Amino acid sequence: MRIGAIQVGNILKSITSFEERIYTLKKIPETVLQEKQTPFVQIHGLPVGENYYSSNKKFGEIESAQIAVYVQTNREAEQFLTQIETLLSAHEFECSFFEVNPNYEYGLVVLTMRFNKYQRLK
């Protein structure tokens, strides 16, 4: 479950806009939220749904991760949606879900995305 989130976090480090504000399997610091130091991203692993077996040996599994990107405007959310989806699809991740919602408590826009990847076990 953690491996998918860690892989996604390492890939997203290539997006310079996030600088050091990528929180993989961590809570977002309250100061970052209050000071609206956008953009920043939080990544969580999702439970592995399916395992694939061959001759009673585990052959592969689906890795999943959820990404929450915090930005100031809907336009920024759309730009990050395109950029992140393109970047992760180059690494064989597939976007299975996304939504854009306001965070009224901090006055931010949150882009939530879920990605899956078939991981062959060695």
Protein backbone atom coordinates (compact mmCIF):
# COMPACT_ATOMS: atom_id res chain seq x y z
CA MET A 1 0.00 0.00 0.00
CA ARG A 2 2.81 2.42 0.86
CA ILE A 3 4.87 1.60 -2.23
CA GLY A 4 2.45 3.26 -4.65
CA ALA A 5 2.39 6.48 -2.61
CA ILE A 6 6.18 6.55 -2.32
CA GLN A 7 6.62 5.98 -6.06
CA VAL A 8 4.16 8.77 -6.88
CA GLY A 9 5.88 11.10 -4.40
CA ASN A 10 9.28 10.48 -5.98
CA ILE A 11 7.89 11.12 -9.47
CA LEU A 12 6.18 14.36 -8.40
CA LYS A 13 9.48 15.73 -7.08
CA SER A 14 10.30 16.59 -10.69
CA ILE A 15 7.56 19.28 -10.64
CA THR A 16 9.51 22.32 -9.49
CA SER A 17 6.38 24.27 -8.43
CA PHE A 18 6.00 22.06 -5.37
CA GLU A 19 9.56 22.75 -4.18
CA GLU A 20 9.85 20.85 -0.88
CA ARG A 21 6.11 20.87 -0.21
CA ILE A 22 5.34 17.24 -1.03
CA TYR A 23 3.92 15.38 1.96
CA THR A 24 4.04 11.64 1.27
CA LEU A 25 2.23 9.63 3.95
CA LYS A 26 2.46 12.69 6.25
CA LYS A 27 0.14 15.30 7.68
CA ILE A 28 0.34 18.79 6.17
CA PRO A 29 1.86 21.22 8.71
CA GLU A 30 -0.68 23.72 10.02
CA THR A 31 1.64 26.64 9.19
CA VAL A 32 1.64 25.69 5.49
CA LEU A 33 -2.17 25.66 5.48
CA GLN A 34 -2.58 28.91 7.39
CA GLU A 35 0.02 30.80 5.36
CA LYS A 36 -1.39 29.37 2.10
CA GLN A 37 2.05 28.39 0.81
CA THR A 38 0.63 26.96 -2.40
CA PRO A 39 0.99 24.83 -4.35
CA PHE A 40 1.58 21.83 -2.12
CA VAL A 41 0.60 18.19 -2.37
CA GLN A 42 -0.32 15.40 0.04
CA ILE A 43 -0.03 11.76 -1.06
CA HIS A 44 -1.60 8.71 0.59
CA GLY A 45 -1.51 5.05 -0.31
CA LEU A 46 -4.79 3.28 -0.92
CA PRO A 47 -5.44 -0.37 -0.07
CA VAL A 48 -4.35 -2.87 -2.69
CA GLY A 49 -7.48 -4.16 -4.33
CA GLU A 50 -6.46 -7.11 -6.43
CA ASN A 51 -3.63 -9.61 -6.47
CA TYR A 52 -2.79 -11.74 -9.47
CA TYR A 53 -1.65 -15.33 -9.06
CA SER A 54 -0.11 -17.87 -11.40
CA SER A 55 0.56 -21.47 -10.26
CA ASN A 56 -0.30 -20.52 -6.66
CA LYS A 57 2.40 -17.86 -6.67
CA LYS A 58 1.60 -14.17 -6.32
CA PHE A 59 2.44 -12.65 -9.70
CA GLY A 60 1.43 -9.01 -9.37
CA GLU A 61 -0.79 -6.46 -7.68
CA ILE A 62 -2.52 -3.16 -8.28
CA GLU A 63 -0.84 -0.25 -6.50
CA SER A 64 -2.97 2.79 -5.74
CA ALA A 65 -2.31 6.29 -4.46
CA GLN A 66 -4.43 9.35 -3.77
CA ILE A 67 -3.04 12.81 -4.38
CA ALA A 68 -4.48 16.03 -2.96
CA VAL A 69 -3.06 19.18 -4.60
CA TYR A 70 -3.80 22.45 -2.79
CA VAL A 71 -3.84 25.58 -4.99
CA GLN A 72 -5.36 29.09 -5.03
CA THR A 73 -7.59 28.91 -8.14
CA ASN A 74 -9.53 26.44 -10.28
CA ARG A 75 -7.30 27.35 -13.23
CA GLU A 76 -4.21 26.23 -11.32
CA ALA A 77 -6.01 22.99 -10.43
CA GLU A 78 -6.71 22.31 -14.12
CA GLN A 79 -3.06 22.97 -15.02
CA PHE A 80 -1.80 20.59 -12.34
CA LEU A 81 -4.37 17.96 -13.37
CA THR A 82 -2.95 17.92 -16.89
CA GLN A 83 0.68 18.10 -15.77
CA ILE A 84 0.42 15.36 -13.11
CA GLU A 85 -1.66 13.03 -15.28
CA THR A 86 0.84 13.34 -18.15
CA LEU A 87 3.82 12.80 -15.86
CA LEU A 88 2.41 9.76 -14.08
CA SER A 89 1.04 8.14 -17.24
CA ALA A 90 4.62 8.14 -18.56
CA HIS A 91 5.39 5.89 -15.54
CA GLU A 92 2.45 3.56 -16.28
CA PHE A 93 0.09 5.04 -13.68
CA GLU A 94 -3.50 5.50 -14.75
CA CYS A 95 -5.82 8.18 -13.35
CA SER A 96 -9.01 6.50 -12.17
CA PHE A 97 -10.70 9.47 -10.47
CA PHE A 98 -10.36 13.22 -9.98
CA GLU A 99 -12.39 16.06 -8.52
CA VAL A 100 -11.89 19.73 -7.72
CA ASN A 101 -13.43 21.05 -4.48
CA PRO A 102 -13.08 24.20 -2.39
CA ASN A 103 -11.60 24.05 1.09
CA TYR A 104 -13.63 26.71 2.88
CA GLU A 105 -11.66 26.50 6.12
CA TYR A 106 -8.43 27.75 4.51
CA GLY A 107 -9.80 29.39 1.35
CA LEU A 108 -8.00 27.00 -1.01
CA VAL A 109 -8.96 24.79 -3.96
CA VAL A 110 -8.21 21.07 -3.61
CA LEU A 111 -7.61 18.82 -6.62
CA THR A 112 -8.02 15.18 -5.57
CA MET A 113 -6.73 12.46 -7.90
CA ARG A 114 -6.46 8.67 -7.61
CA PHE A 115 -3.94 6.66 -9.59
CA ASN A 116 -3.52 2.91 -10.14
CA LYS A 117 -0.66 0.90 -11.55
CA TYR A 118 -0.25 -2.80 -12.17
CA GLN A 119 2.97 -3.79 -10.39
CA ARG A 120 4.55 -7.05 -11.42
CA LEU A 121 6.32 -8.75 -8.52
CA LYS A 122 9.79 -10.10 -9.03
